[in-house]
Amino acid sequence: MKFRVLIEQDEDGVFVAEVPSLPGCVTQGTTRQEAISNAEEAIAAYLESLNDRDEPIPPAINEELVEVAV
């Protein structure tokens, strides 16, 4: 399965990774790659938790990029 992961660098330089389609699935890393790796682990744990409770996987969130002339 594929999940969209949003990564932003916070004011302390830490990379925060959030998975919008999995509420509360947020992790971080000191590098972008570490944040991605941690997100993969967090997603796997999240899905395992849903499976253990016989809960469905939430549907993907459709996103669009919007270009605005500045």
Protein backbone atom coordinates (compact mmCIF):
# COMPACT_ATOMS: atom_id res chain seq x y z
CA MET A 1 0.00 0.00 0.00
CA LYS A 2 1.08 3.56 -0.60
CA PHE A 3 0.40 6.50 1.70
CA ARG A 4 1.04 10.19 1.19
CA VAL A 5 3.46 11.56 3.79
CA LEU A 6 3.76 15.30 4.40
CA ILE A 7 7.18 16.38 5.64
CA GLU A 8 7.93 19.80 7.09
CA GLN A 9 11.01 21.06 8.86
CA ASP A 10 10.12 22.74 12.16
CA GLU A 11 11.77 25.77 13.76
CA ASP A 12 14.29 23.52 15.53
CA GLY A 13 15.40 21.89 12.27
CA VAL A 14 13.60 18.59 12.98
CA PHE A 15 11.76 16.98 10.06
CA VAL A 16 8.15 16.17 11.02
CA ALA A 17 6.33 13.53 8.95
CA GLU A 18 2.52 13.27 9.01
CA VAL A 19 0.28 10.74 7.25
CA PRO A 20 -2.99 12.62 6.52
CA SER A 21 -5.07 9.52 5.77
CA LEU A 22 -4.12 7.93 9.13
CA PRO A 23 -5.27 10.36 11.85
CA GLY A 24 -2.65 10.86 14.54
CA CYS A 25 0.09 9.08 12.58
CA VAL A 26 2.94 11.56 13.06
CA THR A 27 6.67 11.02 13.56
CA GLN A 28 9.92 12.90 13.09
CA GLY A 29 13.61 12.59 12.30
CA THR A 30 16.78 14.62 12.40
CA THR A 31 17.06 14.25 8.61
CA ARG A 32 14.43 14.03 5.87
CA GLN A 33 15.41 10.41 5.18
CA GLU A 34 15.18 9.49 8.86
CA ALA A 35 11.69 11.05 9.00
CA ILE A 36 10.64 8.97 5.98
CA SER A 37 12.05 5.79 7.51
CA ASN A 38 10.29 6.54 10.80
CA ALA A 39 7.06 7.22 8.90
CA GLU A 40 7.28 3.79 7.26
CA GLU A 41 7.60 2.20 10.71
CA ALA A 42 4.76 4.33 12.12
CA ILE A 43 2.46 3.40 9.22
CA ALA A 44 3.21 -0.31 9.69
CA ALA A 45 2.48 -0.07 13.43
CA TYR A 46 -0.71 1.92 12.78
CA LEU A 47 -1.99 -0.65 10.27
CA GLU A 48 -1.09 -3.51 12.63
CA SER A 49 -3.05 -1.79 15.40
CA LEU A 50 -6.08 -1.41 13.12
CA ASN A 51 -5.82 -5.07 12.13
CA ASP A 52 -5.56 -6.18 15.78
CA ARG A 53 -8.80 -4.33 16.53
CA ASP A 54 -10.52 -5.54 13.33
CA GLU A 55 -10.91 -1.93 12.16
CA PRO A 56 -10.83 -0.95 8.47
CA ILE A 57 -8.00 1.02 6.93
CA PRO A 58 -9.22 4.60 6.32
CA PRO A 59 -9.61 5.52 2.64
CA ALA A 60 -6.89 7.58 1.00
CA ILE A 61 -7.26 11.34 1.01
CA ASN A 62 -7.32 12.78 -2.48
CA GLU A 63 -5.14 15.84 -2.82
CA GLU A 64 -4.70 18.36 -5.58
CA LEU A 65 -1.89 20.82 -6.20
CA VAL A 66 -3.13 24.29 -6.97
CA GLU A 67 -0.88 26.79 -8.72
CA VAL A 68 -1.34 30.45 -7.90
CA ALA A 69 0.37 33.25 -9.77
CA VAL A 70 2.19 35.60 -7.42
